[in-house]
PDB file of N, CA and C in Angstrom:
ATOM      1  N   MET A   1      16.541-108.205 -32.691  1.00  0.00           N
ATOM      2  CA  MET A   1      17.741-107.745 -32.117  1.00  0.00           C
ATOM      3  C   MET A   1      18.225-107.012 -30.353  1.00  0.00           C
ATOM      4  N   SER A   2      18.847-107.589 -29.853  1.00  0.00           N
ATOM      5  CA  SER A   2      18.850-107.270 -28.302  1.00  0.00           C
ATOM      6  C   SER A   2      20.855-106.560 -28.734  1.00  0.00           C
ATOM      7  N   THR A   3      20.296-105.432 -27.761  1.00  0.00           N
ATOM      8  CA  THR A   3      20.860-104.464 -27.422  1.00  0.00           C
ATOM      9  C   THR A   3      21.626-104.607 -26.092  1.00  0.00           C
ATOM     10  N   ARG A   4      22.707-104.492 -26.558  1.00  0.00           N
ATOM     11  CA  ARG A   4      23.967-104.414 -25.388  1.00  0.00           C
ATOM     12  C   ARG A   4      24.232-103.320 -24.510  1.00  0.00           C
ATOM     13  N   ASN A   5      24.328-103.811 -23.298  1.00  0.00           N
ATOM     14  CA  ASN A   5      24.743-102.735 -22.024  1.00  0.00           C
ATOM     15  C   ASN A   5      25.967-102.390 -22.270  1.00  0.00           C
ATOM     16  N   ALA A   6      25.793-100.586 -22.547  1.00  0.00           N
ATOM     17  CA  ALA A   6      27.749-100.183 -22.991  1.00  0.00           C
ATOM     18  C   ALA A   6      28.260-100.312 -21.595  1.00  0.00           C
ATOM     19  N   LEU A   7      27.247-100.451 -20.314  1.00  0.00           N
ATOM     20  CA  LEU A   7      28.497-100.510 -19.395  1.00  0.00           C
ATOM     21  C   LEU A   7      28.888-101.300 -18.733  1.00  0.00           C
ATOM     22  N   THR A   8      28.627-102.726 -19.570  1.00  0.00           N
ATOM     23  CA  THR A   8      28.841-104.186 -19.309  1.00  0.00           C
ATOM     24  C   THR A   8      30.088-104.048 -20.593  1.00  0.00           C
ATOM     25  N   THR A   9      29.446-103.374 -21.406  1.00  0.00           N
ATOM     26  CA  THR A   9      30.696-103.888 -23.245  1.00  0.00           C
ATOM     27  C   THR A   9      31.599-102.645 -23.122  1.00  0.00           C
ATOM     28  N   THR A  10      31.836-101.931 -22.565  1.00  0.00           N
ATOM     29  CA  THR A  10      32.933-101.062 -22.381  1.00  0.00           C
ATOM     30  C   THR A  10      32.170 -99.992 -21.335  1.00  0.00           C
ATOM     31  N   PRO A  11      33.119 -99.725 -20.091  1.00  0.00           N
ATOM     32  CA  PRO A  11      32.563 -99.099 -19.038  1.00  0.00           C
ATOM     33  C   PRO A  11      33.899 -98.263 -19.181  1.00  0.00           C
ATOM     34  N   PRO A  12      33.426 -96.791 -18.354  1.00  0.00           N
ATOM     35  CA  PRO A  12      33.843 -95.582 -18.698  1.00  0.00           C
ATOM     36  C   PRO A  12      35.286 -96.579 -17.938  1.00  0.00           C
ATOM     37  N   TYR A  13      36.125 -95.654 -18.483  1.00  0.00           N
ATOM     38  CA  TYR A  13      37.646 -96.119 -17.269  1.00  0.00           C
ATOM     39  C   TYR A  13      38.006 -95.978 -15.794  1.00  0.00           C
ATOM     40  N   PRO A  14      37.251 -95.195 -15.249  1.00  0.00           N
ATOM     41  CA  PRO A  14      37.960 -94.845 -13.734  1.00  0.00           C
ATOM     42  C   PRO A  14      36.460 -96.472 -13.147  1.00  0.00           C
ATOM     43  N   VAL A  15      35.427 -96.545 -13.971  1.00  0.00           N
ATOM     44  CA  VAL A  15      34.807 -97.115 -13.146  1.00  0.00           C
ATOM     45  C   VAL A  15      35.490 -98.592 -13.407  1.00  0.00           C
ATOM     46  N   GLU A  16      35.983 -98.913 -15.128  1.00  0.00           N
ATOM     47  CA  GLU A  16      36.597-100.462 -15.139  1.00  0.00           C
ATOM     48  C   GLU A  16      37.953-100.679 -13.940  1.00  0.00           C
ATOM     49  N   GLN A  17      38.550 -99.359 -13.456  1.00  0.00           N
ATOM     50  CA  GLN A  17      39.439 -99.326 -12.396  1.00  0.00           C
ATOM     51  C   GLN A  17      38.952-100.031 -11.027  1.00  0.00           C
ATOM     52  N   THR A  18      37.918 -98.798 -11.025  1.00  0.00           N
ATOM     53  CA  THR A  18      37.865 -98.956  -9.652  1.00  0.00           C
ATOM     54  C   THR A  18      37.149-100.366  -9.078  1.00  0.00           C
ATOM     55  N   VAL A  19      36.772-101.001 -10.224  1.00  0.00           N
ATOM     56  CA  VAL A  19      36.019-102.478  -9.989  1.00  0.00           C
ATOM     57  C   VAL A  19      36.658-103.284  -9.860  1.00  0.00           C
ATOM     58  N   LYS A  20      37.959-103.259 -10.608  1.00  0.00           N
ATOM     59  CA  LYS A  20      39.371-104.016 -10.446  1.00  0.00           C
ATOM     60  C   LYS A  20      39.930-104.122  -9.489  1.00  0.00           C
ATOM     61  N   GLN A  21      40.201-102.675  -8.841  1.00  0.00           N
ATOM     62  CA  GLN A  21      40.735-102.108  -7.433  1.00  0.00           C
ATOM     63  C   GLN A  21      39.957-103.243  -6.754  1.00  0.00           C
ATOM     64  N   LEU A  22      38.527-103.294  -6.741  1.00  0.00           N
ATOM     65  CA  LEU A  22      37.762-103.686  -5.708  1.00  0.00           C
ATOM     66  C   LEU A  22      37.931-105.267  -5.575  1.00  0.00           C
ATOM     67  N   GLY A  23      38.100-105.786  -6.678  1.00  0.00           N
ATOM     68  CA  GLY A  23      38.244-107.102  -6.674  1.00  0.00           C
ATOM     69  C   GLY A  23      39.936-107.517  -6.556  1.00  0.00           C
ATOM     70  N   ALA A  24      40.662-107.108  -6.849  1.00  0.00           N
ATOM     71  CA  ALA A  24      41.895-107.333  -5.996  1.00  0.00           C
ATOM     72  C   ALA A  24      41.780-107.320  -4.369  1.00  0.00           C
ATOM     73  N   ASN A  25      41.363-106.078  -3.770  1.00  0.00           N
ATOM     74  CA  ASN A  25      41.221-106.157  -2.901  1.00  0.00           C
ATOM     75  C   ASN A  25      40.535-107.172  -1.545  1.00  0.00           C
ATOM     76  N   LEU A  26      39.365-107.649  -2.900  1.00  0.00           N
ATOM     77  CA  LEU A  26      38.367-108.540  -1.839  1.00  0.00           C
ATOM     78  C   LEU A  26      39.260-110.328  -1.920  1.00  0.00           C
ATOM     79  N   ARG A  27      39.917-109.937  -2.868  1.00  0.00           N
ATOM     80  CA  ARG A  27      40.842-111.487  -2.880  1.00  0.00           C
ATOM     81  C   ARG A  27      42.560-111.480  -1.739  1.00  0.00           C
ATOM     82  N   THR A  28      42.616-109.997  -1.977  1.00  0.00           N
ATOM     83  CA  THR A  28      43.469-109.822  -0.755  1.00  0.00           C
ATOM     84  C   THR A  28      43.013-110.642   0.311  1.00  0.00           C
ATOM     85  N   ALA A  29      41.622-109.912   1.203  1.00  0.00           N
ATOM     86  CA  ALA A  29      41.448-109.947   1.805  1.00  0.00           C
ATOM     87  C   ALA A  29      41.165-111.433   2.457  1.00  0.00           C
ATOM     88  N   ARG A  30      40.555-112.254   1.520  1.00  0.00           N
ATOM     89  CA  ARG A  30      40.031-113.633   1.061  1.00  0.00           C
ATOM     90  C   ARG A  30      41.473-114.394   1.384  1.00  0.00           C
ATOM     91  N   LEU A  31      42.196-114.368   1.092  1.00  0.00           N
ATOM     92  CA  LEU A  31      43.623-115.149   1.194  1.00  0.00           C
ATOM     93  C   LEU A  31      44.267-114.553   2.591  1.00  0.00           C
ATOM     94  N   ARG A  32      44.339-113.658   3.166  1.00  0.00           N
ATOM     95  CA  ARG A  32      44.752-113.118   4.206  1.00  0.00           C
ATOM     96  C   ARG A  32      43.606-114.111   5.536  1.00  0.00           C
ATOM     97  N   ARG A  33      42.593-113.969   5.089  1.00  0.00           N
ATOM     98  CA  ARG A  33      41.891-115.125   6.289  1.00  0.00           C
ATOM     99  C   ARG A  33      42.049-116.421   6.318  1.00  0.00           C
ATOM    100  N   ASN A  34      43.014-116.351   4.946  1.00  0.00           N
ATOM    101  CA  ASN A  34      43.107-118.330   4.593  1.00  0.00           C
ATOM    102  C   ASN A  34      41.740-118.869   4.057  1.00  0.00           C
ATOM    103  N   LEU A  35      40.914-118.325   3.529  1.00  0.00           N
ATOM    104  CA  LEU A  35      39.765-118.852   2.825  1.00  0.00           C
ATOM    105  C   LEU A  35      39.871-119.368   1.749  1.00  0.00           C
ATOM    106  N   SER A  36      39.005-120.244   1.753  1.00  0.00           N
ATOM    107  CA  SER A  36      39.225-120.711  -0.277  1.00  0.00           C
ATOM    108  C   SER A  36      37.727-120.122  -0.713  1.00  0.00           C
ATOM    109  N   ILE A  37      38.222-120.679  -2.494  1.00  0.00           N
ATOM    110  CA  ILE A  37      37.016-119.565  -2.796  1.00  0.00           C
ATOM    111  C   ILE A  37      35.555-120.322  -2.554  1.00  0.00           C
ATOM    112  N   GLU A  38      35.792-121.697  -2.009  1.00  0.00           N
ATOM    113  CA  GLU A  38      34.790-123.003  -1.689  1.00  0.00           C
ATOM    114  C   GLU A  38      33.885-122.245  -0.569  1.00  0.00           C
ATOM    115  N   GLN A  39      34.811-121.717   0.321  1.00  0.00           N
ATOM    116  CA  GLN A  39      34.093-121.761   2.056  1.00  0.00           C
ATOM    117  C   GLN A  39      33.618-120.020   2.115  1.00  0.00           C
ATOM    118  N   VAL A  40      33.483-119.235   0.821  1.00  0.00           N
ATOM    119  CA  VAL A  40      33.384-117.992   0.778  1.00  0.00           C
ATOM    120  C   VAL A  40      32.194-117.956   0.280  1.00  0.00           C
ATOM    121  N   ALA A  41      32.294-118.703  -0.898  1.00  0.00           N
ATOM    122  CA  ALA A  41      30.627-119.069  -1.454  1.00  0.00           C
ATOM    123  C   ALA A  41      29.737-119.055  -0.919  1.00  0.00           C
ATOM    124  N   GLU A  42      30.158-120.727  -0.129  1.00  0.00           N
ATOM    125  CA  GLU A  42      29.262-121.123   0.791  1.00  0.00           C
ATOM    126  C   GLU A  42      28.524-120.343   1.589  1.00  0.00           C
ATOM    127  N   LYS A  43      29.560-119.239   2.959  1.00  0.00           N
ATOM    128  CA  LYS A  43      29.259-118.503   3.404  1.00  0.00           C
ATOM    129  C   LYS A  43      28.271-117.433   2.749  1.00  0.00           C
ATOM    130  N   ILE A  44      28.602-117.070   1.660  1.00  0.00           N
ATOM    131  CA  ILE A  44      27.676-115.684   1.516  1.00  0.00           C
ATOM    132  C   ILE A  44      26.739-116.376   0.307  1.00  0.00           C
ATOM    133  N   GLY A  45      26.444-118.273  -0.156  1.00  0.00           N
ATOM    134  CA  GLY A  45      24.983-118.125  -0.814  1.00  0.00           C
ATOM    135  C   GLY A  45      25.621-118.212  -2.004  1.00  0.00           C
ATOM    136  N   ALA A  46      26.995-117.896  -2.504  1.00  0.00           N
ATOM    137  CA  ALA A  46      26.704-117.802  -4.028  1.00  0.00           C
ATOM    138  C   ALA A  46      27.259-118.547  -4.786  1.00  0.00           C
ATOM    139  N   GLY A  47      28.122-119.021  -6.114  1.00  0.00           N
ATOM    140  CA  GLY A  47      28.503-119.980  -7.043  1.00  0.00           C
ATOM    141  C   GLY A  47      29.863-119.478  -6.937  1.00  0.00           C
ATOM    142  N   ILE A  48      30.752-120.369  -6.658  1.00  0.00           N
ATOM    143  CA  ILE A  48      31.937-119.866  -7.134  1.00  0.00           C
ATOM    144  C   ILE A  48      32.781-119.098  -8.205  1.00  0.00           C
ATOM    145  N   ARG A  49      31.709-119.341  -9.502  1.00  0.00           N
ATOM    146  CA  ARG A  49      32.053-118.490 -10.638  1.00  0.00           C
ATOM    147  C   ARG A  49      32.221-116.812 -10.670  1.00  0.00           C
ATOM    148  N   ALA A  50      30.839-117.102  -9.437  1.00  0.00           N
ATOM    149  CA  ALA A  50      30.895-115.373  -9.026  1.00  0.00           C
ATOM    150  C   ALA A  50      31.995-114.964  -8.401  1.00  0.00           C
ATOM    151  N   ILE A  51      32.461-115.755  -7.444  1.00  0.00           N
ATOM    152  CA  ILE A  51      33.408-115.215  -6.210  1.00  0.00           C
ATOM    153  C   ILE A  51      34.197-114.879  -6.963  1.00  0.00           C
ATOM    154  N   ARG A  52      34.759-115.542  -7.713  1.00  0.00           N
ATOM    155  CA  ARG A  52      36.073-115.598  -9.090  1.00  0.00           C
ATOM    156  C   ARG A  52      35.658-114.371  -9.989  1.00  0.00           C
ATOM    157  N   ALA A  53      34.359-113.895 -10.313  1.00  0.00           N
ATOM    158  CA  ALA A  53      34.272-112.937 -10.847  1.00  0.00           C
ATOM    159  C   ALA A  53      34.297-111.954 -10.609  1.00  0.00           C
ATOM    160  N   ALA A  54      33.496-111.745  -9.211  1.00  0.00           N
ATOM    161  CA  ALA A  54      34.015-110.372  -8.436  1.00  0.00           C
ATOM    162  C   ALA A  54      35.266-110.323  -7.553  1.00  0.00           C
ATOM    163  N   GLU A  55      36.343-111.315  -8.095  1.00  0.00           N
ATOM    164  CA  GLU A  55      37.705-111.125  -7.950  1.00  0.00           C
ATOM    165  C   GLU A  55      38.435-110.691  -8.715  1.00  0.00           C
ATOM    166  N   GLN A  56      38.222-110.814  -9.951  1.00  0.00           N
ATOM    167  CA  GLN A  56      38.712-110.251 -10.882  1.00  0.00           C
ATOM    168  C   GLN A  56      38.598-108.947 -11.848  1.00  0.00           C
ATOM    169  N   GLY A  57      37.492-108.081 -10.182  1.00  0.00           N
ATOM    170  CA  GLY A  57      36.399-107.317 -10.833  1.00  0.00           C
ATOM    171  C   GLY A  57      35.915-106.968 -12.361  1.00  0.00           C
ATOM    172  N   LYS A  58      34.880-107.773 -12.499  1.00  0.00           N
ATOM    173  CA  LYS A  58      34.419-107.580 -13.967  1.00  0.00           C
ATOM    174  C   LYS A  58      33.251-106.874 -13.563  1.00  0.00           C
ATOM    175  N   VAL A  59      32.943-106.006 -14.220  1.00  0.00           N
ATOM    176  CA  VAL A  59      31.388-105.168 -14.073  1.00  0.00           C
ATOM    177  C   VAL A  59      30.391-105.799 -14.382  1.00  0.00           C
ATOM    178  N   THR A  60      30.045-106.928 -14.563  1.00  0.00           N
ATOM    179  CA  THR A  60      28.905-107.881 -14.917  1.00  0.00           C
ATOM    180  C   THR A  60      28.705-108.209 -13.866  1.00  0.00           C
ATOM    181  N   THR A  61      29.283-108.382 -13.176  1.00  0.00           N
ATOM    182  CA  THR A  61      29.060-109.100 -11.445  1.00  0.00           C
ATOM    183  C   THR A  61      27.900-108.399 -10.457  1.00  0.00           C
ATOM    184  N   GLY A  62      27.104-108.793 -10.179  1.00  0.00           N
ATOM    185  CA  GLY A  62      26.290-108.439  -9.293  1.00  0.00           C
ATOM    186  C   GLY A  62      26.512-107.732  -7.831  1.00  0.00           C
ATOM    187  N   VAL A  63      26.399-106.406  -7.704  1.00  0.00           N
ATOM    188  CA  VAL A  63      26.456-105.267  -6.728  1.00  0.00           C
ATOM    189  C   VAL A  63      26.090-106.174  -5.298  1.00  0.00           C
ATOM    190  N   GLY A  64      25.453-107.444  -5.361  1.00  0.00           N
ATOM    191  CA  GLY A  64      25.216-108.139  -4.098  1.00  0.00           C
ATOM    192  C   GLY A  64      26.256-109.003  -3.649  1.00  0.00           C
ATOM    193  N   VAL A  65      26.810-109.194  -5.066  1.00  0.00           N
ATOM    194  CA  VAL A  65      28.074-110.390  -4.732  1.00  0.00           C
ATOM    195  C   VAL A  65      29.042-109.472  -3.523  1.00  0.00           C
ATOM    196  N   TYR A  66      29.590-108.715  -4.318  1.00  0.00           N
ATOM    197  CA  TYR A  66      30.471-107.283  -3.930  1.00  0.00           C
ATOM    198  C   TYR A  66      30.365-107.229  -2.215  1.00  0.00           C
ATOM    199  N   ILE A  67      29.148-106.526  -2.283  1.00  0.00           N
ATOM    200  CA  ILE A  67      28.539-106.239  -0.634  1.00  0.00           C
ATOM    201  C   ILE A  67      28.879-107.792  -0.133  1.00  0.00           C
ATOM    202  N   ALA A  68      28.135-108.666  -0.610  1.00  0.00           N
ATOM    203  CA  ALA A  68      28.468-109.986   0.486  1.00  0.00           C
ATOM    204  C   ALA A  68      29.520-110.054   0.794  1.00  0.00           C
ATOM    205  N   LEU A  69      30.585-110.123   0.187  1.00  0.00           N
ATOM    206  CA  LEU A  69      32.004-110.336   0.195  1.00  0.00           C
ATOM    207  C   LEU A  69      32.955-109.215   1.296  1.00  0.00           C
ATOM    208  N   LEU A  70      32.114-107.850   1.010  1.00  0.00           N
ATOM    209  CA  LEU A  70      32.695-107.487   2.375  1.00  0.00           C
ATOM    210  C   LEU A  70      32.405-107.479   3.893  1.00  0.00           C
ATOM    211  N   TRP A  71      31.062-108.320   3.955  1.00  0.00           N
ATOM    212  CA  TRP A  71      30.402-108.657   4.982  1.00  0.00           C
ATOM    213  C   TRP A  71      30.983-110.237   5.385  1.00  0.00           C
ATOM    214  N   ALA A  72      31.379-111.060   4.667  1.00  0.00           N
ATOM    215  CA  ALA A  72      32.109-112.094   4.425  1.00  0.00           C
ATOM    216  C   ALA A  72      33.289-112.052   5.352  1.00  0.00           C
ATOM    217  N   TYR A  73      34.015-110.392   5.142  1.00  0.00           N
ATOM    218  CA  TYR A  73      35.499-110.564   5.240  1.00  0.00           C
ATOM    219  C   TYR A  73      35.316-109.097   6.846  1.00  0.00           C
ATOM    220  N   ASP A  74      33.950-108.680   6.982  1.00  0.00           N
ATOM    221  CA  ASP A  74      34.026-107.971   8.366  1.00  0.00           C
ATOM    222  C   ASP A  74      34.699-106.794   7.317  1.00  0.00           C
ATOM    223  N   LEU A  75      34.418-106.639   6.726  1.00  0.00           N
ATOM    224  CA  LEU A  75      34.869-105.370   5.904  1.00  0.00           C
ATOM    225  C   LEU A  75      33.671-104.187   5.469  1.00  0.00           C
ATOM    226  N   LEU A  76      32.359-104.559   5.689  1.00  0.00           N
ATOM    227  CA  LEU A  76      30.957-103.986   5.149  1.00  0.00           C
ATOM    228  C   LEU A  76      30.831-102.384   5.683  1.00  0.00           C
ATOM    229  N   GLU A  77      31.137-102.231   7.003  1.00  0.00           N
ATOM    230  CA  GLU A  77      31.090-100.712   7.775  1.00  0.00           C
ATOM    231  C   GLU A  77      31.762 -99.683   7.028  1.00  0.00           C
ATOM    232  N   PRO A  78      32.638 -99.997   6.576  1.00  0.00           N
ATOM    233  CA  PRO A  78      33.103 -98.310   5.018  1.00  0.00           C
ATOM    234  C   PRO A  78      32.201 -98.506   4.082  1.00  0.00           C
ATOM    235  N   ALA A  79      31.883 -99.251   3.808  1.00  0.00           N
ATOM    236  CA  ALA A  79      30.791 -99.476   2.461  1.00  0.00           C
ATOM    237  C   ALA A  79      29.203 -98.537   2.751  1.00  0.00           C
ATOM    238  N   THR A  80      29.546 -98.466   4.209  1.00  0.00           N
ATOM    239  CA  THR A  80      27.905 -97.966   4.310  1.00  0.00           C
ATOM    240  C   THR A  80      28.438 -96.096   3.660  1.00  0.00           C
ATOM    241  N   GLU A  81      29.339 -96.196   3.695  1.00  0.00           N
ATOM    242  CA  GLU A  81      29.630 -94.587   3.601  1.00  0.00           C
ATOM    243  C   GLU A  81      29.480 -94.170   2.371  1.00  0.00           C
ATOM    244  N   LEU A  82      29.641 -95.264   1.382  1.00  0.00           N
ATOM    245  CA  LEU A  82      29.183 -94.751  -0.264  1.00  0.00           C
ATOM    246  C   LEU A  82      28.141 -94.085  -0.465  1.00  0.00           C
ATOM    247  N   ALA A  83      28.411 -93.016  -1.647  1.00  0.00           N
ATOM    248  CA  ALA A  83      27.515 -91.989  -1.778  1.00  0.00           C
ATOM    249  C   ALA A  83      26.346 -91.765  -0.243  1.00  0.00           C
ATOM    250  N   ASP A  84      27.262 -91.315   0.801  1.00  0.00           N
ATOM    251  CA  ASP A  84      26.631 -90.603   1.651  1.00  0.00           C
ATOM    252  C   ASP A  84      25.885 -89.183   2.022  1.00  0.00           C
ATOM    253  N   PRO A  85      24.707 -89.269   1.684  1.00  0.00           N
ATOM    254  CA  PRO A  85      23.925 -87.186   1.421  1.00  0.00           C
ATOM    255  C   PRO A  85      25.189 -86.922   1.933  1.00  0.00           C
ATOM    256  N   GLY A  86      25.385 -86.819   2.876  1.00  0.00           N
ATOM    257  CA  GLY A  86      26.066 -85.696   4.224  1.00  0.00           C
ATOM    258  C   GLY A  86      27.272 -85.370   3.580  1.00  0.00           C
ATOM    259  N   LYS A  87      27.617 -86.416   3.073  1.00  0.00           N
ATOM    260  CA  LYS A  87      29.461 -85.978   2.773  1.00  0.00           C
ATOM    261  C   LYS A  87      28.921 -85.788   0.940  1.00  0.00           C
ATOM    262  N   ASP A  88      28.413 -85.661   0.374  1.00  0.00           N
ATOM    263  CA  ASP A  88      27.897 -85.265  -0.755  1.00  0.00           C
ATOM    264  C   ASP A  88      28.238 -83.664  -1.342  1.00  0.00           C
ATOM    265  N   ASP A  89      29.485 -83.389  -0.887  1.00  0.00           N
ATOM    266  CA  ASP A  89      29.812 -82.021  -1.180  1.00  0.00           C
ATOM    267  C   ASP A  89      28.965 -81.347  -2.402  1.00  0.00           C
ATOM    268  N   THR A  90      29.169 -81.830  -3.416  1.00  0.00           N
ATOM    269  CA  THR A  90      29.027 -81.327  -4.892  1.00  0.00           C
ATOM    270  C   THR A  90      27.191 -81.288  -4.858  1.00  0.00           C
ATOM    271  N   GLY A  91      27.030 -82.082  -4.316  1.00  0.00           N
ATOM    272  CA  GLY A  91      25.003 -82.493  -4.357  1.00  0.00           C
ATOM    273  C   GLY A  91      24.789 -81.599  -3.479  1.00  0.00           C
ATOM    274  N   LEU A  92      24.946 -80.926  -1.662  1.00  0.00           N
ATOM    275  CA  LEU A  92      24.956 -80.337  -1.349  1.00  0.00           C
ATOM    276  C   LEU A  92      24.677 -78.936  -1.826  1.00  0.00           C
ATOM    277  N   ALA A  93      26.387 -78.861  -2.753  1.00  0.00           N
ATOM    278  CA  ALA A  93      26.068 -76.996  -2.810  1.00  0.00           C
ATOM    279  C   ALA A  93      25.554 -76.810  -3.875  1.00  0.00           C
ATOM    280  N   TYR A  94      25.346 -78.075  -4.669  1.00  0.00           N
ATOM    281  CA  TYR A  94      23.938 -77.779  -5.748  1.00  0.00           C
ATOM    282  C   TYR A  94      22.279 -77.758  -4.939  1.00  0.00           C
ATOM    283  N   LEU A  95      22.274 -78.682  -3.684  1.00  0.00           N
ATOM    284  CA  LEU A  95      21.037 -78.488  -3.229  1.00  0.00           C
ATOM    285  C   LEU A  95      20.531 -75.999  -2.537  1.00  0.00           C
ATOM    286  N   ARG A  96      21.924 -75.889  -2.228  1.00  0.00           N
ATOM    287  CA  ARG A  96      22.008 -74.855  -1.729  1.00  0.00           C
ATOM    288  C   ARG A  96      21.700 -73.587  -2.710  1.00  0.00           C
ATOM    289  N   GLU A  97      22.233 -74.114  -3.941  1.00  0.00           N
ATOM    290  CA  GLU A  97      21.873 -73.211  -5.026  1.00  0.00           C
ATOM    291  C   GLU A  97      20.732 -73.320  -5.274  1.00  0.00           C
ATOM    292  N   ASN A  98      20.052 -74.487  -5.275  1.00  0.00           N
ATOM    293  CA  ASN A  98      18.568 -74.305  -6.474  1.00  0.00           C
ATOM    294  C   ASN A  98      17.333 -75.022  -5.555  1.00  0.00           C
ATOM    295  N   GLU A  99      17.563 -74.318  -4.201  1.00  0.00           N
ATOM    296  CA  GLU A  99      16.811 -75.375  -3.168  1.00  0.00           C
ATOM    297  C   GLU A  99      15.301 -74.657  -3.193  1.00  0.00           C
ATOM    298  N   ARG A 100      14.772 -76.084  -3.460  1.00  0.00           N
ATOM    299  CA  ARG A 100      13.151 -75.328  -3.174  1.00  0.00           C
ATOM    300  C   ARG A 100      12.566 -75.168  -2.297  1.00  0.00           C
ATOM    301  N   LEU A 101      11.386 -74.187  -2.161  1.00  0.00           N
ATOM    302  CA  LEU A 101      10.972 -73.830  -1.048  1.00  0.00           C
ATOM    303  C   LEU A 101       9.445 -74.422  -1.020  1.00  0.00           C
ATOM    304  N   ARG A 102       8.768 -75.485  -1.827  1.00  0.00           N
ATOM    305  CA  ARG A 102       8.143 -76.628  -1.379  1.00  0.00           C
ATOM    306  C   ARG A 102       7.894 -77.262  -2.150  1.00  0.00           C
ATOM    307  N   ALA A 103       7.113 -78.543  -1.953  1.00  0.00           N
ATOM    308  CA  ALA A 103       7.562 -79.847  -2.595  1.00  0.00           C
ATOM    309  C   ALA A 103       6.486 -79.840  -3.741  1.00  0.00           C
ATOM    310  N   ARG A 104       5.494 -79.097  -3.608  1.00  0.00           N
ATOM    311  CA  ARG A 104       4.333 -78.926  -4.574  1.00  0.00           C
ATOM    312  C   ARG A 104       3.939 -77.747  -5.422  1.00  0.00           C
ATOM    313  N   SER A 105       3.594 -77.902  -6.794  1.00  0.00           N
ATOM    314  CA  SER A 105       3.962 -76.339  -7.443  1.00  0.00           C
ATOM    315  C   SER A 105       2.471 -76.146  -6.517  1.00  0.00           C
ATOM    316  N   ARG A 106       2.141 -74.491  -7.358  1.00  0.00           N
ATOM    317  CA  ARG A 106       1.212 -74.068  -6.791  1.00  0.00           C
ATOM    318  C   ARG A 106       0.124 -73.665  -6.793  1.00  0.00           C
ATOM    319  N   ASN A 107      -0.463 -74.871  -8.447  1.00  0.00           N
ATOM    320  CA  ASN A 107      -0.974 -74.820  -9.015  1.00  0.00           C
ATOM    321  C   ASN A 107      -2.286 -75.670  -8.339  1.00  0.00           C
ATOM    322  N   ARG A 108      -3.634 -75.035  -7.973  1.00  0.00           N
ATOM    323  CA  ARG A 108      -4.387 -75.264  -6.997  1.00  0.00           C
ATOM    324  C   ARG A 108      -5.476 -75.833  -7.721  1.00  0.00           C
ATOM    325  N   LEU A 109      -6.189 -77.010  -7.666  1.00  0.00           N
ATOM    326  CA  LEU A 109      -7.676 -77.411  -8.372  1.00  0.00           C
ATOM    327  C   LEU A 109      -8.263 -76.403  -7.920  1.00  0.00           C
ATOM    328  N   ASP A 110      -9.340 -76.519  -9.028  1.00  0.00           N
ATOM    329  CA  ASP A 110     -10.649 -75.630  -8.837  1.00  0.00           C
ATOM    330  C   ASP A 110     -11.585 -76.748  -8.517  1.00  0.00           C
ATOM    331  N   ASN A 111     -12.863 -75.391  -7.579  1.00  0.00           N
ATOM    332  CA  ASN A 111     -14.154 -76.406  -7.656  1.00  0.00           C
ATOM    333  C   ASN A 111     -14.730 -76.352  -9.470  1.00  0.00           C
ATOM    334  N   ASP A 112     -14.757 -76.315 -10.081  1.00  0.00           N
ATOM    335  CA  ASP A 112     -15.371 -75.730 -11.238  1.00  0.00           C
ATOM    336  C   ASP A 112     -15.392 -76.716 -12.117  1.00  0.00           C
ATOM    337  N   PHE A 113     -17.035 -77.583 -11.867  1.00  0.00           N
ATOM    338  CA  PHE A 113     -16.881 -78.533 -12.526  1.00  0.00           C
ATOM    339  C   PHE A 113     -17.936 -78.223 -13.772  1.00  0.00           C
TER     340      PHE A 113
END
């Protein structure tokens, strides 16, 4: 019996909406550049169905397709800021609260054989 991935079958609502918005944005970018799906598919080396799925905002579409589409439309630079550790205020606050002083534990190896 196979188990289904809950993320692809019932993704959290904010995830689903964000991917759908990204897909709509990518479609708008393609149309503004007067490119066909076939032209874009050829440029990024993907199939037409993958482009259509990305533009529909399907969570099952690989992240590589989304990133390649951003590249094709010269929109990749803002994507490099996604999850930027320097802008992760929550993560930085957590780090300050729980800062590790050492990477290793203080347990030392003994030479007692």
